[in-house]
Amino acid sequence: MELFDALSATAHWRPALSQLPEPQVFAALTSADLPAFMRGGETASGEYVTPSKALENMAILRSVSLISESIGMLPLGLMARGDDKAYATEHAAHRLCKNRPNEYQGPYKFKSTMQLRALLHGNAYARIIWRGNTPVRLIPLDSNKVTPKLNDDFTVCYEYRRPDGGIVTLAAREVLHLADLADDEHGLIGLSRVKKAREAIGLALQAQKAAARVFKNGVMAGGALSYPRKLDDQQIKNIRESLEARYAGTENAHKWMVLEDGITAEKWANSARDSELGESRDHQIEEIARAFGVPRPLLMMDDTSWGSGIEQLGIFFVQYGLQHWFNIWEDEVALKLLSEKERDLYYAKFNEHALLRGTLKDQADFFAKALGSGGSQPFMKANEVRDRLDLPKSTDPAAESLQSTLTRKANVPDQAT
């Protein structure tokens, strides 16, 4: 009895259900987020941050979607070295990257999926299926089931855990590995930006929950009416019905209210606490934008740079947010899909011109000068301009004649004195 009484006496120390942390739910014991949870993914804010959990924050979702979709829609092909700079359309690696990496994915789906995993996990892997010395398939692998290892002879291998639990060791030439910045001993395993920014992400998720709790549990009344004497239930009902009938709704907005018998009205403004919550959420969007290299306006933030400077902002994003990933893709494709001799003949290249195009007026001015307008030295042909604009080649002799005339005029010295 004494033990029972002691336990009962401490019942008031038990926290209320609302104070307990929210339970973590996993679809199955094979969930990729379960190991991260068991290793202790809790942040100082009390939020458990895993890659899939991070995507519940709209700034994270927008950042990784923007980068992944941009990488997915830009063509990646194999170029022949030399003056011609033509696509190596007959090479198997070009067909895999540009046309069809496997039977169930197009190039957009494959590249965007790989890029998403590289952003969330720091590493993305695809199994390279070879037929002799020819690559024929690129099959994405779960980033959580692949472990890169450096052998004693400084060659790399990859241990892949199959769905049945078996381990398969793959040689380096069998795995296309996209790795973000690495700080391990040999620079082999990429850093996960979600893990490194988990404190900022955890704070953003908690701020998001706090805002949701305000709408669920907070008092949202716009103001109050005060009366010097006590009102019965019928009087309160009559006043409420009168207010709703005369002043509620958009059609009654900004109407003046007539108050009688000493009634006074008081409008409630947002508290400083509400304002601080909004500012905190904005600040966390900035922190996430820094982690992924995405300008704030591209996260749909209302910035002054949104508008006339959007063209330069897009160029900034391509140069400092995407170029890093262009280089990673290009280097890995050349390293894994080309032999040493082939790398002297070909190189992988993203075509980012679609993201760098200016306004129609800017393009017209550029192409006019490229063709020799205004006495400038021409450096493009008419069909090259048409190719940039995704137009078919022209076979009109008049167009070729005009091009030749502009070229001759540009090469004639100015005789004016």
Protein backbone atom coordinates (compact mmCIF):
# COMPACT_ATOMS: atom_id res chain seq x y z
CA MET A 1 0.00 0.00 0.00
CA GLU A 2 2.81 2.40 0.78
CA LEU A 3 4.27 1.88 -2.70
CA PHE A 4 0.85 2.44 -4.27
CA ASP A 5 0.36 5.62 -2.24
CA ALA A 6 3.80 6.90 -3.25
CA LEU A 7 3.07 6.33 -6.92
CA SER A 8 -0.31 8.00 -6.61
CA ALA A 9 1.23 10.98 -4.84
CA THR A 10 3.52 11.66 -7.79
CA ALA A 11 0.71 11.59 -10.34
CA HIS A 12 0.67 15.40 -10.51
CA TRP A 13 4.20 15.29 -11.95
CA ARG A 14 2.99 13.54 -15.08
CA PRO A 15 2.95 15.93 -18.05
CA ALA A 16 -0.29 16.69 -19.79
CA LEU A 17 -0.87 14.93 -23.11
CA SER A 18 -0.54 18.25 -24.93
CA GLN A 19 2.97 18.64 -23.51
CA LEU A 20 4.23 15.28 -24.77
CA PRO A 21 6.18 15.20 -28.06
CA GLU A 22 4.24 14.12 -31.11
CA PRO A 23 4.68 10.40 -31.86
CA GLN A 24 6.88 9.50 -34.81
CA VAL A 25 5.08 7.26 -37.29
CA PHE A 26 6.90 5.01 -39.77
CA ALA A 27 5.26 3.11 -42.61
CA ALA A 28 7.33 -0.01 -41.92
CA LEU A 29 10.45 -1.23 -40.18
CA THR A 30 12.24 -0.83 -43.53
CA SER A 31 11.46 2.90 -43.65
CA ALA A 32 14.53 4.96 -44.59
CA ASP A 33 13.76 7.43 -41.79
CA LEU A 34 13.74 4.82 -39.01
CA PRO A 35 17.57 4.49 -38.73
CA ALA A 36 17.93 8.28 -38.57
CA PHE A 37 15.33 8.41 -35.80
CA MET A 38 17.02 5.64 -33.82
CA ARG A 39 20.43 7.37 -34.15
CA GLY A 40 18.94 10.43 -32.47
CA GLY A 41 17.80 12.93 -35.07
CA GLU A 42 16.23 15.24 -32.52
CA THR A 43 17.25 18.89 -32.74
CA ALA A 44 17.49 21.50 -30.01
CA SER A 45 14.01 22.66 -31.00
CA GLY A 46 12.63 19.19 -30.16
CA GLU A 47 11.92 18.29 -33.79
CA TYR A 48 13.17 15.09 -35.40
CA VAL A 49 14.56 15.99 -38.82
CA THR A 50 14.85 13.33 -41.50
CA PRO A 51 14.95 13.82 -45.30
CA SER A 52 11.28 12.96 -45.80
CA LYS A 53 10.26 14.97 -42.73
CA ALA A 54 12.15 18.01 -44.03
CA LEU A 55 10.01 18.02 -47.17
CA GLU A 56 7.00 18.94 -45.02
CA ASN A 57 8.47 22.43 -44.85
CA MET A 58 7.46 24.44 -47.92
CA ALA A 59 10.80 26.26 -48.21
CA ILE A 60 12.66 22.93 -48.33
CA LEU A 61 10.16 21.48 -50.79
CA ARG A 62 10.44 24.52 -53.05
CA SER A 63 14.26 24.58 -52.90
CA VAL A 64 14.80 20.93 -53.79
CA SER A 65 11.96 20.95 -56.35
CA LEU A 66 13.37 24.02 -58.09
CA ILE A 67 16.89 22.57 -58.37
CA SER A 68 15.75 19.04 -59.23
CA GLU A 69 13.25 20.16 -61.86
CA SER A 70 15.78 22.55 -63.42
CA ILE A 71 18.37 19.77 -63.69
CA GLY A 72 15.72 17.39 -65.02
CA MET A 73 14.49 19.63 -67.82
CA LEU A 74 17.92 20.68 -69.12
CA PRO A 75 19.39 18.36 -71.76
CA LEU A 76 22.55 16.49 -70.82
CA GLY A 77 24.45 15.05 -73.75
CA LEU A 78 27.81 13.90 -74.99
CA MET A 79 29.75 16.38 -77.12
CA ALA A 80 32.58 15.64 -79.53
CA ARG A 81 35.75 17.60 -78.87
CA GLY A 82 37.00 19.81 -81.67
CA ASP A 83 35.79 22.76 -83.71
CA ASP A 84 32.44 21.26 -84.74
CA LYS A 85 31.06 20.91 -81.15
CA ALA A 86 28.44 18.43 -82.32
CA TYR A 87 26.52 15.91 -80.24
CA ALA A 88 27.99 12.39 -80.29
CA THR A 89 24.58 10.97 -81.16
CA GLU A 90 25.88 7.50 -82.01
CA HIS A 91 27.55 6.94 -78.63
CA ALA A 92 25.67 4.80 -76.11
CA ALA A 93 26.38 7.22 -73.23
CA HIS A 94 24.74 10.06 -75.16
CA ARG A 95 21.63 7.99 -75.79
CA LEU A 96 21.40 7.07 -72.08
CA CYS A 97 21.70 10.66 -70.84
CA LYS A 98 19.78 12.43 -73.59
CA ASN A 99 17.09 9.99 -74.65
CA ARG A 100 16.33 7.01 -72.42
CA PRO A 101 18.29 5.92 -69.33
CA ASN A 102 16.11 2.85 -68.68
CA GLU A 103 12.83 1.18 -69.68
CA TYR A 104 10.60 2.93 -67.14
CA GLN A 105 12.02 6.48 -66.94
CA GLY A 106 12.62 9.25 -69.40
CA PRO A 107 15.65 11.54 -69.02
CA TYR A 108 13.66 14.17 -67.08
CA LYS A 109 12.36 11.70 -64.51
CA PHE A 110 15.74 10.03 -64.10
CA LYS A 111 17.73 13.26 -63.65
CA SER A 112 15.20 14.94 -61.35
CA THR A 113 14.95 11.81 -59.16
CA MET A 114 18.72 11.48 -58.88
CA GLN A 115 19.08 15.19 -58.14
CA LEU A 116 16.42 15.10 -55.42
CA ARG A 117 18.23 12.26 -53.66
CA ALA A 118 21.56 14.05 -53.93
CA LEU A 119 20.07 17.16 -52.31
CA LEU A 120 18.37 15.30 -49.46
CA HIS A 121 20.96 12.60 -48.73
CA GLY A 122 24.14 14.15 -50.13
CA ASN A 123 24.56 11.13 -52.44
CA ALA A 124 22.61 9.63 -55.33
CA TYR A 125 23.42 6.31 -56.98
CA ALA A 126 22.46 4.59 -60.22
CA ARG A 127 23.45 1.07 -61.24
CA ILE A 128 25.18 1.03 -64.64
CA ILE A 129 24.26 -2.07 -66.64
CA TRP A 130 26.98 -2.96 -69.12
CA ARG A 131 26.83 -5.13 -72.21
CA GLY A 132 30.47 -5.79 -72.87
CA ASN A 133 32.03 -2.33 -72.99
CA THR A 134 28.75 -0.59 -73.81
CA PRO A 135 26.55 0.99 -71.07
CA VAL A 136 22.91 0.08 -71.77
CA ARG A 137 20.94 1.00 -68.61
CA LEU A 138 21.02 3.42 -65.67
CA ILE A 139 18.93 2.13 -62.74
CA PRO A 140 18.50 4.46 -59.68
CA LEU A 141 19.35 2.89 -56.31
CA ASP A 142 18.10 3.83 -52.85
CA SER A 143 20.68 6.19 -51.34
CA ASN A 144 20.17 4.65 -47.89
CA LYS A 145 21.07 1.17 -49.16
CA VAL A 146 24.42 1.98 -50.81
CA THR A 147 27.72 2.37 -48.96
CA PRO A 148 30.84 3.57 -50.83
CA LYS A 149 34.12 2.07 -49.66
CA LEU A 150 37.76 2.69 -50.52
CA ASN A 151 39.82 -0.45 -50.97
CA ASP A 152 43.43 -0.88 -49.86
CA ASP A 153 44.60 -0.31 -53.43
CA PHE A 154 42.66 3.01 -53.51
CA THR A 155 40.00 1.68 -55.85
CA VAL A 156 36.36 2.28 -54.94
CA CYS A 157 33.59 -0.25 -54.54
CA TYR A 158 29.95 0.07 -53.48
CA GLU A 159 28.07 -2.25 -51.15
CA TYR A 160 24.38 -2.39 -52.07
CA ARG A 161 21.84 -3.90 -49.68
CA ARG A 162 19.17 -5.68 -51.68
CA PRO A 163 15.50 -5.75 -50.61
CA ASP A 164 15.95 -9.35 -49.39
CA GLY A 165 18.79 -8.25 -47.09
CA GLY A 166 21.63 -9.63 -49.15
CA ILE A 167 24.75 -7.53 -49.82
CA VAL A 168 26.07 -7.07 -53.36
CA THR A 169 29.50 -5.52 -53.95
CA LEU A 170 29.65 -3.41 -57.10
CA ALA A 171 32.76 -2.11 -58.81
CA ALA A 172 33.17 1.61 -59.36
CA ARG A 173 32.38 1.34 -63.08
CA GLU A 174 29.00 -0.18 -62.18
CA VAL A 175 27.73 2.81 -60.16
CA LEU A 176 27.02 6.37 -61.24
CA HIS A 177 27.59 8.33 -58.01
CA LEU A 178 26.50 11.97 -57.58
CA ALA A 179 28.15 13.25 -54.40
CA ASP A 180 27.75 16.70 -52.87
CA LEU A 181 30.61 18.41 -51.03
CA ALA A 182 32.48 15.86 -48.90
CA ASP A 183 34.48 16.20 -45.68
CA ASP A 184 35.35 12.54 -45.03
CA GLU A 185 38.97 11.42 -45.15
CA HIS A 186 39.05 10.57 -48.85
CA GLY A 187 36.31 12.90 -50.13
CA LEU A 188 34.14 9.97 -51.13
CA ILE A 189 30.81 10.45 -49.33
CA GLY A 190 28.83 13.64 -49.92
CA LEU A 191 27.41 15.71 -47.09
CA SER A 192 23.66 15.77 -46.61
CA ARG A 193 22.50 19.39 -46.56
CA VAL A 194 19.41 18.33 -44.65
CA LYS A 195 21.53 16.81 -41.88
CA LYS A 196 23.92 19.75 -41.70
CA ALA A 197 21.05 22.26 -41.64
CA ARG A 198 18.85 20.16 -39.37
CA GLU A 199 18.79 22.73 -36.57
CA ALA A 200 17.52 25.44 -38.94
CA ILE A 201 15.06 23.00 -40.50
CA GLY A 202 13.87 21.81 -37.08
CA LEU A 203 13.25 25.40 -36.01
CA ALA A 204 11.34 26.06 -39.25
CA LEU A 205 9.17 22.98 -38.70
CA GLN A 206 8.43 24.00 -35.13
CA ALA A 207 7.55 27.55 -36.25
CA GLN A 208 5.23 26.03 -38.83
CA LYS A 209 3.54 23.96 -36.13
CA ALA A 210 3.28 27.00 -33.85
CA ALA A 211 1.48 28.91 -36.59
CA ALA A 212 -0.89 25.97 -37.11
CA ARG A 213 -1.63 25.83 -33.37
CA VAL A 214 -2.53 29.54 -33.42
CA PHE A 215 -5.25 28.86 -35.98
CA LYS A 216 -6.41 25.76 -34.14
CA ASN A 217 -6.38 26.97 -30.54
CA GLY A 218 -5.87 30.74 -30.67
CA VAL A 219 -8.58 33.35 -30.18
CA MET A 220 -9.28 34.83 -33.62
CA ALA A 221 -11.91 37.41 -32.63
CA GLY A 222 -11.43 40.83 -34.20
CA GLY A 223 -12.54 42.85 -31.19
CA ALA A 224 -15.08 43.27 -28.36
CA LEU A 225 -18.10 45.35 -27.37
CA SER A 226 -18.22 46.64 -23.80
CA TYR A 227 -21.42 47.54 -21.92
CA PRO A 228 -21.47 49.31 -18.51
CA ARG A 229 -24.14 46.96 -17.13
CA LYS A 230 -24.75 43.23 -17.16
CA LEU A 231 -26.64 41.85 -20.18
CA ASP A 232 -28.87 38.81 -20.13
CA ASP A 233 -28.62 36.04 -22.71
CA GLN A 234 -31.42 37.42 -24.91
CA GLN A 235 -29.82 40.87 -25.11
CA ILE A 236 -26.44 39.39 -26.04
CA LYS A 237 -28.16 37.30 -28.74
CA ASN A 238 -29.97 40.34 -30.16
CA ILE A 239 -26.76 42.42 -30.33
CA ARG A 240 -24.84 39.58 -32.00
CA GLU A 241 -27.58 39.00 -34.61
CA SER A 242 -27.78 42.74 -35.31
CA LEU A 243 -24.02 43.00 -35.85
CA GLU A 244 -23.95 39.99 -38.15
CA ALA A 245 -26.90 41.23 -40.19
CA ARG A 246 -25.67 44.82 -40.65
CA TYR A 247 -21.88 44.65 -40.59
CA ALA A 248 -20.72 41.12 -41.44
CA GLY A 249 -19.48 40.19 -44.93
CA THR A 250 -17.53 41.98 -47.62
CA GLU A 251 -20.57 43.96 -48.80
CA ASN A 252 -20.67 45.71 -45.40
CA ALA A 253 -16.93 46.40 -45.18
CA HIS A 254 -15.94 49.77 -43.63
CA LYS A 255 -19.50 50.72 -42.68
CA TRP A 256 -19.79 52.95 -39.64
CA MET A 257 -21.33 51.33 -36.57
CA VAL A 258 -23.87 53.20 -34.42
CA LEU A 259 -23.61 52.25 -30.72
CA GLU A 260 -26.22 53.15 -28.12
CA ASP A 261 -26.66 53.25 -24.37
CA GLY A 262 -22.99 53.46 -23.43
CA ILE A 263 -21.73 50.55 -25.58
CA THR A 264 -18.10 50.96 -26.67
CA ALA A 265 -16.17 49.01 -29.32
CA GLU A 266 -12.55 47.90 -29.06
CA LYS A 267 -10.59 46.49 -32.01
CA TRP A 268 -7.89 43.95 -31.23
CA ALA A 269 -4.62 44.28 -33.10
CA ASN A 270 -2.06 41.55 -33.71
CA SER A 271 0.09 41.03 -30.67
CA ALA A 272 3.86 41.43 -30.70
CA ARG A 273 4.05 37.68 -30.19
CA ASP A 274 2.15 37.07 -33.47
CA SER A 275 4.47 39.46 -35.31
CA GLU A 276 7.53 37.72 -33.90
CA LEU A 277 6.19 34.38 -35.11
CA GLY A 278 5.87 35.71 -38.65
CA GLU A 279 9.35 37.22 -38.56
CA SER A 280 10.77 33.95 -37.24
CA ARG A 281 9.24 32.00 -40.11
CA ASP A 282 10.65 34.48 -42.65
CA HIS A 283 14.09 34.19 -41.07
CA GLN A 284 14.02 30.40 -41.31
CA ILE A 285 13.19 30.65 -45.00
CA GLU A 286 16.37 32.71 -45.40
CA GLU A 287 18.39 30.06 -43.54
CA ILE A 288 17.05 27.29 -45.78
CA ALA A 289 17.68 29.39 -48.90
CA ARG A 290 21.34 29.73 -47.82
CA ALA A 291 21.67 25.99 -47.31
CA PHE A 292 20.51 25.15 -50.84
CA GLY A 293 21.80 28.20 -52.70
CA VAL A 294 18.39 29.43 -53.86
CA PRO A 295 17.64 33.21 -53.95
CA ARG A 296 14.77 34.26 -51.69
CA PRO A 297 12.50 35.54 -54.49
CA LEU A 298 12.64 32.12 -56.17
CA LEU A 299 11.15 30.75 -52.93
CA MET A 300 8.18 33.06 -53.60
CA MET A 301 9.26 35.60 -50.99
CA ASP A 302 7.98 39.14 -51.56
CA ASP A 303 11.29 40.89 -52.21
CA THR A 304 12.06 44.18 -53.95
CA SER A 305 14.33 42.29 -56.38
CA TRP A 306 11.27 40.47 -57.71
CA GLY A 307 10.32 42.37 -60.86
CA SER A 308 12.77 44.28 -63.01
CA GLY A 309 15.73 42.31 -61.64
CA ILE A 310 14.25 38.87 -62.16
CA GLU A 311 16.34 38.24 -65.29
CA GLN A 312 19.59 38.85 -63.44
CA LEU A 313 18.27 36.84 -60.51
CA GLY A 314 17.70 33.87 -62.81
CA ILE A 315 21.26 34.17 -64.15
CA PHE A 316 22.54 34.34 -60.56
CA PHE A 317 20.66 31.13 -59.71
CA VAL A 318 22.09 29.29 -62.72
CA GLN A 319 25.66 30.43 -62.01
CA TYR A 320 25.74 29.92 -58.24
CA GLY A 321 22.92 27.46 -57.54
CA LEU A 322 23.02 25.06 -60.50
CA GLN A 323 26.54 25.26 -61.93
CA HIS A 324 27.85 23.26 -58.97
CA TRP A 325 25.53 20.41 -59.91
CA PHE A 326 26.26 20.73 -63.65
CA ASN A 327 29.91 20.05 -62.91
CA ILE A 328 29.12 17.06 -60.67
CA TRP A 329 26.92 15.45 -63.32
CA GLU A 330 29.33 16.14 -66.18
CA ASP A 331 32.38 14.84 -64.31
CA GLU A 332 30.64 11.65 -63.17
CA VAL A 333 29.16 10.84 -66.58
CA ALA A 334 32.56 11.27 -68.23
CA LEU A 335 34.32 9.27 -65.51
CA LYS A 336 31.94 6.30 -65.41
CA LEU A 337 30.44 6.05 -68.90
CA LEU A 338 33.53 6.80 -70.98
CA SER A 339 36.80 4.96 -71.25
CA GLU A 340 40.10 6.77 -70.83
CA LYS A 341 40.57 7.01 -74.59
CA GLU A 342 36.98 8.18 -75.12
CA ARG A 343 37.45 11.03 -72.65
CA ASP A 344 40.00 12.48 -75.08
CA LEU A 345 37.32 12.49 -77.79
CA TYR A 346 34.11 13.34 -75.92
CA TYR A 347 32.86 15.27 -72.90
CA ALA A 348 29.51 15.52 -71.12
CA LYS A 349 27.74 18.89 -71.23
CA PHE A 350 24.53 20.39 -69.90
CA ASN A 351 22.80 22.87 -72.20
CA GLU A 352 21.81 25.64 -69.80
CA HIS A 353 21.01 28.19 -72.52
CA ALA A 354 17.27 27.65 -72.01
CA LEU A 355 17.61 29.13 -68.50
CA LEU A 356 19.86 32.00 -69.59
CA ARG A 357 17.71 33.40 -72.38
CA GLY A 358 16.82 37.05 -71.90
CA THR A 359 13.66 38.84 -73.00
CA LEU A 360 12.59 38.64 -76.64
CA LYS A 361 13.96 42.15 -77.20
CA ASP A 362 17.35 41.23 -75.71
CA GLN A 363 17.49 38.08 -77.82
CA ALA A 364 16.60 40.01 -80.97
CA ASP A 365 19.35 42.58 -80.32
CA PHE A 366 21.92 39.86 -79.62
CA PHE A 367 21.10 37.78 -82.70
CA ALA A 368 21.01 40.88 -84.92
CA LYS A 369 24.56 41.74 -83.90
CA ALA A 370 25.59 38.09 -84.14
CA LEU A 371 24.49 38.15 -87.78
CA GLY A 372 26.40 41.36 -88.50
CA SER A 373 23.75 44.05 -88.08
CA GLY A 374 24.95 47.59 -87.50
CA GLY A 375 28.36 46.94 -89.00
CA SER A 376 29.45 44.50 -86.26
CA GLN A 377 31.59 41.51 -87.13
CA PRO A 378 29.23 38.53 -87.63
CA PHE A 379 30.03 35.43 -85.63
CA MET A 380 26.90 33.32 -86.28
CA LYS A 381 25.03 32.06 -89.32
CA ALA A 382 21.29 32.30 -89.86
CA ASN A 383 20.76 28.58 -89.33
CA GLU A 384 22.77 28.69 -86.12
CA VAL A 385 20.40 31.36 -84.81
CA ARG A 386 17.42 29.28 -85.88
CA ASP A 387 18.90 26.30 -84.07
CA ARG A 388 19.22 28.34 -80.86
CA LEU A 389 15.52 29.21 -81.19
CA ASP A 390 14.57 25.56 -81.82
CA LEU A 391 13.52 26.35 -85.39
CA PRO A 392 14.22 24.09 -88.39
CA LYS A 393 17.07 24.95 -90.72
CA SER A 394 16.25 27.37 -93.51
CA THR A 395 16.79 26.35 -97.13
CA ASP A 396 15.76 29.76 -98.50
CA PRO A 397 18.50 31.05 -100.84
CA ALA A 398 17.45 34.64 -100.07
CA ALA A 399 18.33 34.19 -96.41
CA GLU A 400 21.75 32.82 -97.28
CA SER A 401 22.31 35.70 -99.72
CA LEU A 402 21.39 38.25 -97.03
CA GLN A 403 23.79 36.59 -94.61
CA SER A 404 26.61 36.79 -97.17
CA THR A 405 25.85 40.45 -97.84
CA LEU A 406 25.96 41.35 -94.14
CA THR A 407 29.23 39.48 -93.76
CA ARG A 408 30.83 41.34 -96.69
CA LYS A 409 29.67 44.72 -95.39
CA ALA A 410 31.06 43.99 -91.95
CA ASN A 411 34.45 43.16 -93.48
CA VAL A 412 34.65 46.31 -95.67
CA PRO A 413 36.65 49.11 -93.94
CA ASP A 414 34.81 52.34 -93.25
CA GLN A 415 35.74 54.80 -96.04
CA ALA A 416 34.02 57.82 -94.53
CA THR A 417 36.24 60.77 -93.65
